[in-house]
Protein backbone atom coordinates (compact mmCIF):
# COMPACT_ATOMS: atom_id res chain seq x y z
CA UNK A 1 1.36 21.53 -9.77
CA UNK A 2 -0.98 20.83 -6.86
CA UNK A 3 -0.32 18.82 -3.73
CA UNK A 4 -1.70 15.65 -5.34
CA UNK A 5 -1.18 14.23 -8.83
CA UNK A 6 -4.44 12.88 -10.34
CA UNK A 7 -4.32 9.32 -11.72
CA UNK A 8 -7.11 8.54 -14.22
CA UNK A 9 -6.34 4.78 -14.29
CA UNK A 10 -4.91 3.34 -11.07
CA UNK A 11 -3.98 -0.05 -12.59
CA UNK A 12 -2.09 1.52 -15.51
CA UNK A 13 -0.26 3.83 -13.09
CA UNK A 14 0.81 1.08 -10.67
CA UNK A 15 1.92 -1.48 -13.29
CA UNK A 16 5.64 -2.21 -13.07
CA UNK A 17 8.22 -2.28 -10.30
CA UNK A 18 8.64 0.14 -7.40
CA UNK A 19 11.23 0.55 -4.66
CA UNK A 20 9.44 0.55 -1.30
CA UNK A 21 10.65 2.07 1.98
CA UNK A 22 8.36 1.72 5.00
CA UNK A 23 8.66 3.00 8.53
CA UNK A 24 6.62 1.28 11.23
CA UNK A 25 6.07 3.15 14.49
CA UNK A 26 4.41 1.61 17.53
CA UNK A 27 2.96 4.66 19.26
CA UNK A 28 2.29 2.69 22.47
CA UNK A 29 5.83 1.34 22.99
CA UNK A 30 7.83 3.85 20.98
CA UNK A 31 9.43 1.03 18.97
CA UNK A 32 10.29 1.74 15.34
CA UNK A 33 10.98 -0.60 12.46
CA UNK A 34 11.87 -0.30 8.80
CA UNK A 35 11.06 -2.29 5.67
CA UNK A 36 13.09 -1.87 2.48
CA UNK A 37 12.38 -3.82 -0.65
CA UNK A 38 10.57 -4.02 -3.95
CA UNK A 39 6.89 -3.96 -4.87
CA UNK A 40 6.05 -5.42 -8.28
CA UNK A 41 2.66 -5.07 -9.97
CA UNK A 42 2.40 -7.77 -12.66
CA UNK A 43 -0.54 -8.43 -15.00
CA UNK A 44 -3.08 -11.02 -13.89
CA UNK A 45 -4.88 -13.27 -16.36
CA UNK A 46 -8.35 -11.82 -16.80
CA UNK A 47 -7.33 -8.28 -15.82
CA UNK A 48 -5.91 -6.57 -12.81
CA UNK A 49 -2.52 -6.73 -11.14
CA UNK A 50 -0.75 -9.10 -8.78
CA UNK A 51 1.08 -7.04 -6.13
CA UNK A 52 4.13 -8.85 -4.75
CA UNK A 53 6.24 -7.16 -2.08
CA UNK A 54 9.59 -8.62 -1.01
CA UNK A 55 12.34 -7.21 1.14
CA UNK A 56 13.80 -6.99 4.63
CA UNK A 57 12.00 -5.86 7.77
CA UNK A 58 14.12 -4.69 10.71
CA UNK A 59 12.32 -4.62 14.08
CA UNK A 60 14.09 -4.10 17.41
CA UNK A 61 17.42 -4.54 15.66
CA UNK A 62 16.55 -7.91 14.10
CA UNK A 63 16.41 -8.16 10.29
CA UNK A 64 14.03 -10.70 8.75
CA UNK A 65 12.89 -11.41 5.21
CA UNK A 66 9.37 -10.11 4.62
CA UNK A 67 6.85 -10.53 1.82
CA UNK A 68 3.18 -10.07 1.06
CA UNK A 69 0.90 -10.55 -1.91
CA UNK A 70 -2.27 -8.62 -2.82
CA UNK A 71 -4.56 -8.54 -5.83
CA UNK A 72 -5.58 -5.25 -7.47
CA UNK A 73 -8.64 -5.97 -9.61
CA UNK A 74 -10.59 -3.54 -11.82
CA UNK A 75 -13.11 -1.62 -9.69
CA UNK A 76 -16.75 -0.82 -10.44
CA UNK A 77 -15.91 2.68 -11.76
CA UNK A 78 -13.46 3.09 -14.67
CA UNK A 79 -9.89 3.69 -13.51
CA UNK A 80 -10.47 2.36 -9.96
CA UNK A 81 -9.35 -0.86 -8.27
CA UNK A 82 -10.64 -3.30 -5.67
CA UNK A 83 -7.78 -4.57 -3.54
CA UNK A 84 -7.97 -8.03 -1.99
CA UNK A 85 -5.66 -10.24 0.02
CA UNK A 86 -3.93 -13.19 -1.70
CA UNK A 87 -6.66 -15.53 -0.40
CA UNK A 88 -9.39 -13.40 -1.99
CA UNK A 89 -10.70 -11.63 1.13
CA UNK A 90 -11.55 -7.98 0.36
CA UNK A 91 -9.11 -5.35 1.68
CA UNK A 92 -10.16 -1.93 0.31
CA UNK A 93 -11.15 0.03 -2.77
CA UNK A 94 -8.75 2.44 -4.48
CA UNK A 95 -9.61 5.53 -6.54
CA UNK A 96 -6.69 7.87 -7.27
CA UNK A 97 -8.53 10.08 -9.78
CA UNK A 98 -7.97 13.06 -7.44
CA UNK A 99 -4.45 11.90 -6.53
CA UNK A 100 -5.61 11.04 -3.01
CA UNK A 101 -7.75 8.29 -1.47
CA UNK A 102 -8.78 7.28 2.06
CA UNK A 103 -9.57 3.61 2.70
CA UNK A 104 -10.86 1.91 5.86
CA UNK A 105 -10.39 -1.78 6.63
CA UNK A 106 -11.86 -3.24 9.85
CA UNK A 107 -9.81 -6.24 10.99
CA UNK A 108 -11.21 -8.03 14.08
CA UNK A 109 -11.25 -5.33 16.78
CA UNK A 110 -8.76 -3.10 14.93
CA UNK A 111 -9.38 -0.41 12.32
CA UNK A 112 -6.88 0.18 9.54
CA UNK A 113 -7.23 3.61 7.87
CA UNK A 114 -5.05 4.16 4.82
CA UNK A 115 -4.29 7.41 3.06
CA UNK A 116 -2.93 7.06 -0.47
CA UNK A 117 -1.31 10.09 -2.10
CA UNK A 118 0.33 10.42 -5.51
CA UNK A 119 3.07 13.04 -5.87
CA UNK A 120 3.95 12.53 -9.55
CA UNK A 121 4.40 9.88 -12.25
CA UNK A 122 7.12 8.12 -10.25
CA UNK A 123 6.29 8.69 -6.55
CA UNK A 124 3.37 7.75 -4.30
CA UNK A 125 2.86 7.14 -0.59
CA UNK A 126 0.61 5.21 1.76
CA UNK A 127 0.11 6.01 5.43
CA UNK A 128 -1.78 3.36 7.39
CA UNK A 129 -2.98 4.26 10.89
CA UNK A 130 -3.89 1.14 12.87
CA UNK A 131 -5.93 1.50 16.05
CA UNK A 132 -7.40 -1.16 18.27
CA UNK A 133 -7.23 -2.77 21.68
CA UNK A 134 -3.77 -4.24 21.03
CA UNK A 135 -2.45 -1.97 18.25
CA UNK A 136 -1.49 1.69 17.93
CA UNK A 137 0.66 1.87 14.81
CA UNK A 138 1.59 4.20 11.96
CA UNK A 139 2.99 2.58 8.80
CA UNK A 140 4.33 5.02 6.18
CA UNK A 141 5.51 3.65 2.83
CA UNK A 142 7.16 5.68 0.08
CA UNK A 143 7.19 4.15 -3.39
CA UNK A 144 9.60 5.22 -6.15
CA UNK A 145 9.26 3.80 -9.65
CA UNK A 146 12.23 1.59 -10.59
CA UNK A 147 13.53 2.48 -14.06
């Protein structure tokens, strides 16, 4: 088996529930945080998946509930997805046919660069590097399929 696990259909692969563990490192301050929770990908009417993440985020010793919602819609090419925020603004494309994908998302003066890697049928990871005038972060999330 190679370093990456090819996924011919990203929406079919992601469908279901995943345990999510994220580390957040602020490279400027040295602060570190951790998110633990669940990411569910549920079918949307008309195709695609609704991504709902819920859990607890601990930052500087303070635990808070955290959640976010994204939409994963069928992309232009078969097996790919277009990811958007809950309000419909575009976020990034996603093509895991090689088992790996790099996505860029400019946000105001910051640049988010995400690397998506698939290890096998039940494990994938995202690493977002955020650089800008006020941000210098690395967010690493490991996803494990919930059975």
